[in-house]
Amino acid sequence: MVSKIIRWFRMPPRDAVPTSTQLSGSASDGVQNDTKVLKNRPKASALRQQKLPAWQPILTATTVIPTVFVIGAIFLPIGVFLFIASDSVSEYPIEYTSCSPSPCQLQINLPNSFDGDVYLYYNLENYYQNHRRYVKSRNDQQYLGDLTNVKDCAPFDYDPDTKKPIAPCGAIANSIFNDTFQLSYQPVGGFPIPVPVTTQGVIWNVDKDRKFKNPAFPQGSNLCDAFKETAKPPNWKKSPCEMGGFENVDFIVWMRTAALPYFKKLWRIVERSSNAAFSNGLPKGTYVLTVENNYPVQSFGGKKYFVISTTSWAGGKNSFLGIAYLVVGCLAIVLGVVFVFIHLKFGHSMNELSNVSEIHH
């Protein structure tokens, strides 16, 4: 009896965490304890204990100054090449915001020939395609053929009258750009020649192959039969099946939203093999642009342009990248000269630094 009382006094309280000695002692005595077992202890590895070997560079004048000059020497020629490539691109924009009545005609006088592949764009200003709610208003699963999937497309998900799902759904699809263009060449003393255009090469392969697919339909039926249980977007004049469905080139181009409020999107490419007059591109001279001016932009102060352009190895006409490289390269060279001056006037030699280190030791 006395030995049991002594063992009871030796037992730790239930809230206390016993030591390894107490655990082994109580286990040897056959007493069961509700004790906590220590967990989540990190392993004693070099990674978990933050004992991996590390290297910290010591920035000195002999390493920093050459690096700055090297950056300048690399950026300057890159900037020159980019600027020259951008300057070699021929581009002709023409505004048609107030062109009326529709269809309207505009005269274009190309001062020089546009050699090589010629690209036709439409350009919008003050149009914020990067608005968060606008960008999110789409359903990529529906654009792959699942017509009933309209998640995240509100308020353009269901037709309020028929309660049918809208296809294609979402604010982006509803606001598709619907102006059309016809470009004709007017040779001196001749009849107008329509400029042949093509959609080949307008859209990216990843969009065509993986992001936009029409719904399947049984043999003997057509695409409109597949869309018959859906409603067209409110702002569309035609049913999507009449325009190629989800694989419509203009629709795919519009669905790739722009990051800035001033953007241009590729409309068509001049077909150079259809007519010998355009085998080398667009000859200089007079052209007539016929525009179906359907897309309203005056309500938000926007502007619309039709752009004729060539390209270079660096892309379209955009001098910003070349200028940015030139500015960074010049700043690097100037900073390098300033660092050299500071180092020669106020810096210390390696012998002085070694002497200082010896004194401290």
Protein backbone atom coordinates (compact mmCIF):
# COMPACT_ATOMS: atom_id res chain seq x y z
CA MET A 1 0.00 0.00 0.00
CA VAL A 2 2.79 2.43 0.89
CA SER A 3 4.67 1.65 -2.33
CA LYS A 4 1.53 2.44 -4.43
CA ILE A 5 1.12 5.82 -2.65
CA ILE A 6 4.79 6.65 -3.33
CA ARG A 7 4.40 5.78 -7.01
CA TRP A 8 1.25 7.95 -7.22
CA PHE A 9 3.19 10.98 -5.92
CA ARG A 10 5.95 10.34 -8.47
CA MET A 11 3.51 10.39 -11.44
CA PRO A 12 3.62 13.69 -13.41
CA PRO A 13 0.41 15.69 -13.88
CA ARG A 14 -1.59 15.03 -17.05
CA ASP A 15 -0.85 18.53 -18.46
CA ALA A 16 2.90 18.19 -18.12
CA VAL A 17 5.04 16.76 -20.90
CA PRO A 18 7.14 13.94 -19.41
CA THR A 19 10.82 13.64 -20.09
CA SER A 20 12.31 10.61 -21.73
CA THR A 21 13.32 9.29 -18.29
CA GLN A 22 9.79 9.61 -16.94
CA LEU A 23 8.38 7.91 -20.02
CA SER A 24 10.70 4.96 -19.66
CA GLY A 25 10.14 4.76 -15.91
CA SER A 26 6.39 4.80 -16.15
CA ALA A 27 6.48 2.26 -18.93
CA SER A 28 8.60 -0.05 -16.82
CA ASP A 29 6.18 0.28 -13.93
CA GLY A 30 3.23 -0.65 -16.19
CA VAL A 31 1.38 2.65 -15.70
CA GLN A 32 -0.46 4.03 -18.78
CA ASN A 33 -0.09 7.78 -19.35
CA ASP A 34 -1.99 10.14 -21.69
CA THR A 35 1.13 11.99 -22.73
CA LYS A 36 1.81 13.90 -25.94
CA VAL A 37 4.42 12.58 -28.32
CA LEU A 38 6.67 15.25 -29.80
CA LYS A 39 6.08 15.50 -33.59
CA ASN A 40 7.06 17.66 -36.60
CA ARG A 41 10.65 17.88 -35.50
CA PRO A 42 12.72 18.79 -38.59
CA LYS A 43 15.28 16.32 -39.74
CA ALA A 44 18.86 17.10 -38.96
CA SER A 45 19.80 17.61 -42.60
CA ALA A 46 21.86 20.43 -44.03
CA LEU A 47 18.90 21.66 -46.09
CA ARG A 48 16.37 21.75 -43.24
CA GLN A 49 18.84 23.20 -40.77
CA GLN A 50 19.95 25.85 -43.30
CA LYS A 51 23.56 24.74 -43.26
CA LEU A 52 24.07 24.36 -47.01
CA PRO A 53 27.21 25.94 -48.42
CA ALA A 54 26.51 29.42 -49.78
CA TRP A 55 28.36 31.93 -51.91
CA GLN A 56 27.91 35.67 -51.58
CA PRO A 57 29.60 37.83 -54.21
CA ILE A 58 31.69 40.73 -52.98
CA LEU A 59 31.02 43.68 -55.24
CA THR A 60 34.19 45.58 -55.98
CA ALA A 61 35.14 48.18 -58.55
CA THR A 62 37.05 45.63 -60.59
CA THR A 63 33.90 43.50 -61.03
CA VAL A 64 31.11 46.09 -61.17
CA ILE A 65 32.65 48.57 -63.64
CA PRO A 66 33.42 46.00 -66.38
CA THR A 67 29.95 44.47 -65.95
CA VAL A 68 28.27 47.85 -66.46
CA PHE A 69 30.33 48.50 -69.60
CA VAL A 70 29.53 45.02 -70.96
CA ILE A 71 25.79 45.64 -70.47
CA GLY A 72 26.08 48.90 -72.36
CA ALA A 73 28.11 47.29 -75.14
CA ILE A 74 25.46 44.56 -75.56
CA PHE A 75 22.35 46.75 -75.35
CA LEU A 76 23.51 49.49 -77.73
CA PRO A 77 23.91 47.35 -80.88
CA ILE A 78 20.71 45.42 -80.09
CA GLY A 79 18.85 48.73 -79.82
CA VAL A 80 20.34 49.94 -83.11
CA PHE A 81 19.29 46.75 -84.94
CA LEU A 82 15.76 46.85 -83.48
CA PHE A 83 15.33 50.51 -84.36
CA ILE A 84 16.54 49.97 -87.92
CA ALA A 85 14.24 46.97 -88.33
CA SER A 86 11.25 48.98 -87.07
CA ASP A 87 12.13 51.92 -89.30
CA SER A 88 12.24 49.65 -92.36
CA VAL A 89 8.58 48.68 -91.91
CA SER A 90 6.11 50.51 -94.15
CA GLU A 91 2.85 51.45 -92.48
CA TYR A 92 -0.15 53.50 -93.59
CA PRO A 93 -3.01 54.15 -91.12
CA ILE A 94 -6.26 55.87 -92.07
CA GLU A 95 -8.98 56.87 -89.61
CA TYR A 96 -12.58 56.11 -90.49
CA THR A 97 -14.39 56.74 -87.17
CA SER A 98 -16.82 59.25 -88.66
CA CYS A 99 -17.06 57.61 -92.08
CA SER A 100 -20.71 57.78 -93.18
CA PRO A 101 -23.09 56.79 -94.59
CA SER A 102 -22.33 53.11 -94.38
CA PRO A 103 -20.94 51.70 -96.59
CA CYS A 104 -18.55 54.58 -97.16
CA GLN A 105 -15.47 54.97 -99.31
CA LEU A 106 -12.08 56.43 -98.44
CA GLN A 107 -9.22 57.18 -100.81
CA ILE A 108 -5.72 55.97 -99.91
CA ASN A 109 -2.59 57.22 -101.68
CA LEU A 110 0.38 54.98 -100.97
CA PRO A 111 3.54 57.08 -101.41
CA ASN A 112 5.68 54.02 -102.04
CA SER A 113 5.19 50.33 -102.76
CA PHE A 114 4.69 47.89 -99.91
CA ASP A 115 6.96 45.00 -100.84
CA GLY A 116 6.65 41.49 -99.47
CA ASP A 117 3.81 40.24 -97.32
CA VAL A 118 1.27 42.97 -96.58
CA TYR A 119 -0.93 42.82 -93.48
CA LEU A 120 -4.26 44.58 -93.00
CA TYR A 121 -5.22 45.58 -89.46
CA TYR A 122 -8.00 47.41 -87.67
CA ASN A 123 -6.89 49.70 -84.87
CA LEU A 124 -9.00 50.79 -81.88
CA GLU A 125 -8.21 53.61 -79.46
CA ASN A 126 -9.56 54.18 -75.95
CA TYR A 127 -11.00 50.66 -75.84
CA TYR A 128 -10.27 48.87 -72.54
CA GLN A 129 -10.32 45.17 -73.34
CA ASN A 130 -8.23 44.60 -70.20
CA HIS A 131 -11.07 45.36 -67.75
CA ARG A 132 -11.20 42.55 -65.19
CA ARG A 133 -14.93 41.80 -65.47
CA TYR A 134 -14.75 41.98 -69.25
CA VAL A 135 -11.79 39.59 -69.48
CA LYS A 136 -13.40 37.06 -67.14
CA SER A 137 -16.73 37.03 -69.00
CA ARG A 138 -16.06 33.96 -71.15
CA ASN A 139 -16.17 30.17 -71.01
CA ASP A 140 -13.37 28.34 -72.77
CA GLN A 141 -15.12 24.98 -72.41
CA GLN A 142 -18.05 26.22 -74.45
CA TYR A 143 -15.71 27.41 -77.19
CA LEU A 144 -14.48 23.83 -77.46
CA GLY A 145 -17.97 22.61 -78.37
CA ASP A 146 -19.82 22.30 -75.03
CA LEU A 147 -22.73 24.59 -75.96
CA THR A 148 -24.60 24.33 -72.64
CA ASN A 149 -21.64 25.38 -70.50
CA VAL A 150 -22.13 29.10 -69.81
CA LYS A 151 -20.40 29.39 -66.45
CA ASP A 152 -18.81 32.83 -65.76
CA CYS A 153 -20.55 34.34 -68.81
CA ALA A 154 -23.15 36.42 -66.94
CA PRO A 155 -24.93 38.61 -67.91
CA PHE A 156 -24.56 37.14 -71.41
CA ASP A 157 -25.18 33.52 -70.42
CA TYR A 158 -28.89 32.90 -71.14
CA ASP A 159 -31.30 34.64 -73.48
CA PRO A 160 -33.87 36.44 -71.28
CA ASP A 161 -36.75 35.62 -73.64
CA THR A 162 -36.15 32.03 -74.73
CA LYS A 163 -34.02 30.97 -71.69
CA LYS A 164 -31.66 29.24 -74.10
CA PRO A 165 -27.90 29.35 -73.49
CA ILE A 166 -26.12 31.99 -75.52
CA ALA A 167 -23.41 30.68 -77.82
CA PRO A 168 -20.82 32.07 -77.89
CA CYS A 169 -21.42 33.44 -74.41
CA GLY A 170 -19.72 36.24 -72.50
CA ALA A 171 -19.11 39.96 -72.83
CA ILE A 172 -16.07 39.55 -75.09
CA ALA A 173 -17.97 37.49 -77.64
CA ASN A 174 -20.99 39.80 -77.49
CA SER A 175 -18.83 42.84 -78.33
CA ILE A 176 -17.13 41.30 -81.37
CA PHE A 177 -15.75 43.76 -83.90
CA ASN A 178 -18.03 43.64 -86.95
CA ASP A 179 -16.74 46.26 -89.39
CA THR A 180 -15.90 44.90 -92.84
CA PHE A 181 -13.50 46.23 -95.45
CA GLN A 182 -12.91 45.99 -99.19
CA LEU A 183 -9.68 47.38 -100.63
CA SER A 184 -9.40 48.12 -104.37
CA TYR A 185 -6.43 49.28 -106.42
CA GLN A 186 -7.06 52.08 -108.89
CA PRO A 187 -4.38 51.97 -111.61
CA VAL A 188 -3.85 55.06 -113.74
CA GLY A 189 -6.23 54.91 -116.72
CA GLY A 190 -7.57 51.51 -115.75
CA PHE A 191 -10.45 49.86 -113.94
CA PRO A 192 -10.42 49.23 -110.17
CA ILE A 193 -8.83 45.90 -109.16
CA PRO A 194 -10.03 44.31 -105.89
CA VAL A 195 -7.09 43.46 -103.65
CA PRO A 196 -7.30 39.71 -102.89
CA VAL A 197 -7.03 38.85 -99.20
CA THR A 198 -6.84 35.63 -97.21
CA THR A 199 -7.38 34.46 -93.64
CA GLN A 200 -4.51 31.95 -93.84
CA GLY A 201 -1.93 32.88 -91.21
CA VAL A 202 -4.18 35.36 -89.41
CA ILE A 203 -4.78 33.27 -86.28
CA TRP A 204 -2.32 31.39 -84.11
CA ASN A 205 -2.09 27.62 -84.51
CA VAL A 206 -2.64 27.07 -80.77
CA ASP A 207 -5.97 28.92 -81.00
CA LYS A 208 -7.10 27.04 -84.08
CA ASP A 209 -6.04 23.58 -82.88
CA ARG A 210 -6.66 23.65 -79.13
CA LYS A 211 -8.91 26.52 -78.02
CA PHE A 212 -11.77 26.83 -80.51
CA LYS A 213 -13.71 23.89 -81.92
CA ASN A 214 -17.20 23.68 -83.36
CA PRO A 215 -19.65 21.23 -81.75
CA ALA A 216 -20.04 17.85 -83.40
CA PHE A 217 -23.15 17.27 -85.47
CA PRO A 218 -24.57 14.07 -87.04
CA GLN A 219 -23.86 13.16 -90.61
CA GLY A 220 -26.43 14.65 -92.93
CA SER A 221 -27.00 17.73 -90.76
CA ASN A 222 -25.16 21.04 -90.67
CA LEU A 223 -23.62 23.43 -88.17
CA CYS A 224 -26.87 25.36 -87.71
CA ASP A 225 -28.54 22.15 -86.49
CA ALA A 226 -25.91 21.93 -83.77
CA PHE A 227 -26.61 25.55 -82.68
CA LYS A 228 -30.42 25.34 -82.90
CA GLU A 229 -30.88 24.94 -79.12
CA THR A 230 -28.84 28.05 -78.41
CA ALA A 231 -29.35 31.79 -78.85
CA LYS A 232 -26.99 34.20 -80.59
CA PRO A 233 -25.34 37.02 -78.59
CA PRO A 234 -27.56 40.14 -78.39
CA ASN A 235 -25.23 42.34 -80.45
CA TRP A 236 -24.72 39.84 -83.28
CA LYS A 237 -26.66 40.47 -86.46
CA LYS A 238 -26.20 36.92 -87.78
CA SER A 239 -26.32 33.51 -86.17
CA PRO A 240 -22.86 32.16 -85.31
CA CYS A 241 -23.42 29.10 -87.50
CA GLU A 242 -23.72 31.39 -90.53
CA MET A 243 -20.29 32.87 -89.75
CA GLY A 244 -18.33 29.66 -89.15
CA GLY A 245 -19.26 29.04 -85.52
CA PHE A 246 -16.48 29.01 -82.95
CA GLU A 247 -13.88 28.57 -85.71
CA ASN A 248 -14.67 31.95 -87.25
CA VAL A 249 -11.35 33.72 -87.79
CA ASP A 250 -12.64 37.18 -86.81
CA PHE A 251 -14.13 35.73 -83.63
CA ILE A 252 -10.88 33.98 -82.63
CA VAL A 253 -8.84 37.14 -83.25
CA TRP A 254 -11.22 39.23 -81.16
CA MET A 255 -11.21 36.75 -78.27
CA ARG A 256 -7.47 37.28 -77.73
CA THR A 257 -7.89 40.39 -75.58
CA ALA A 258 -5.44 43.28 -75.68
CA ALA A 259 -3.49 44.50 -72.66
CA LEU A 260 -3.58 48.21 -73.53
CA PRO A 261 -6.45 50.53 -74.54
CA TYR A 262 -4.72 51.33 -77.86
CA PHE A 263 -4.35 48.18 -79.92
CA LYS A 264 -4.56 46.81 -83.43
CA LYS A 265 -5.69 43.36 -84.49
CA LEU A 266 -4.89 41.53 -87.68
CA TRP A 267 -7.84 41.41 -90.08
CA ARG A 268 -6.50 39.89 -93.32
CA ILE A 269 -3.30 39.24 -95.29
CA VAL A 270 -2.92 40.22 -98.94
CA GLU A 271 -3.01 37.13 -101.15
CA ARG A 272 -0.04 37.64 -103.44
CA SER A 273 -0.53 34.54 -105.61
CA SER A 274 -4.03 35.36 -106.84
CA ASN A 275 -3.19 38.34 -109.06
CA ALA A 276 0.06 39.19 -110.82
CA ALA A 277 -0.40 42.86 -109.97
CA PHE A 278 0.13 42.05 -106.27
CA SER A 279 2.79 39.34 -106.58
CA ASN A 280 5.39 41.61 -104.96
CA GLY A 281 3.00 43.25 -102.51
CA LEU A 282 1.02 46.45 -102.96
CA PRO A 283 2.29 48.83 -105.65
CA LYS A 284 2.30 52.52 -104.88
CA GLY A 285 -0.65 54.51 -106.14
CA THR A 286 -4.29 55.14 -105.37
CA TYR A 287 -6.53 52.72 -103.50
CA VAL A 288 -10.19 52.89 -102.51
CA LEU A 289 -11.26 51.50 -99.14
CA THR A 290 -14.93 50.55 -98.80
CA VAL A 291 -15.99 50.30 -95.15
CA GLU A 292 -19.10 48.80 -93.57
CA ASN A 293 -19.01 51.08 -90.52
CA ASN A 294 -21.03 49.06 -88.01
CA TYR A 295 -19.03 49.16 -84.77
CA PRO A 296 -19.98 52.09 -82.46
CA VAL A 297 -17.13 53.80 -80.60
CA GLN A 298 -18.30 57.42 -80.28
CA SER A 299 -20.13 56.73 -76.98
CA PHE A 300 -16.83 56.21 -75.13
CA GLY A 301 -14.64 58.56 -77.17
CA GLY A 302 -12.97 55.82 -79.19
CA LYS A 303 -11.39 55.96 -82.63
CA LYS A 304 -11.07 53.43 -85.44
CA TYR A 305 -8.31 53.06 -88.00
CA PHE A 306 -7.59 50.82 -90.96
CA VAL A 307 -3.87 50.04 -91.14
CA ILE A 308 -1.83 48.72 -94.07
CA SER A 309 1.57 47.44 -92.96
CA THR A 310 4.52 45.26 -93.78
CA THR A 311 6.74 43.48 -91.26
CA SER A 312 10.41 42.84 -90.57
CA TRP A 313 12.36 40.14 -88.73
CA ALA A 314 11.50 42.00 -85.49
CA GLY A 315 7.76 42.19 -86.20
CA GLY A 316 5.61 45.21 -87.01
CA LYS A 317 6.40 48.88 -86.73
CA ASN A 318 7.22 49.57 -83.09
CA SER A 319 10.22 51.72 -82.27
CA PHE A 320 9.69 51.58 -78.50
CA LEU A 321 11.72 48.41 -77.95
CA GLY A 322 14.70 49.71 -79.92
CA ILE A 323 14.62 53.05 -78.11
CA ALA A 324 14.37 51.28 -74.75
CA TYR A 325 17.49 49.21 -75.51
CA LEU A 326 19.35 52.34 -76.65
CA VAL A 327 18.40 54.26 -73.51
CA VAL A 328 19.48 51.43 -71.20
CA GLY A 329 22.74 50.97 -73.11
CA CYS A 330 23.56 54.69 -72.96
CA LEU A 331 22.75 54.84 -69.25
CA ALA A 332 25.02 51.86 -68.62
CA ILE A 333 27.91 53.51 -70.46
CA VAL A 334 27.39 56.80 -68.59
CA LEU A 335 27.21 55.02 -65.24
CA GLY A 336 30.35 53.09 -66.11
CA VAL A 337 32.24 56.35 -66.79
CA VAL A 338 30.94 57.84 -63.53
CA PHE A 339 32.03 54.75 -61.59
CA VAL A 340 35.50 54.89 -63.16
CA PHE A 341 35.87 58.54 -62.16
CA ILE A 342 34.72 57.87 -58.60
CA HIS A 343 37.00 54.87 -58.31
CA LEU A 344 40.09 56.76 -59.58
CA LYS A 345 39.45 59.77 -57.38
CA PHE A 346 38.11 58.25 -54.17
CA GLY A 347 38.72 54.50 -54.43
CA HIS A 348 41.36 52.33 -52.77
CA SER A 349 43.86 50.11 -54.45
CA MET A 350 44.10 46.39 -53.74
CA ASN A 351 47.37 46.93 -51.87
CA GLU A 352 45.68 49.39 -49.53
CA LEU A 353 42.83 47.02 -48.92
CA SER A 354 45.24 44.16 -48.17
CA ASN A 355 47.15 46.36 -45.72
CA VAL A 356 43.94 47.26 -43.94
CA SER A 357 43.00 43.60 -43.64
CA GLU A 358 46.45 42.74 -42.24
CA ILE A 359 46.16 45.50 -39.62
CA HIS A 360 42.79 44.20 -38.48
CA HIS A 361 44.21 40.68 -38.19
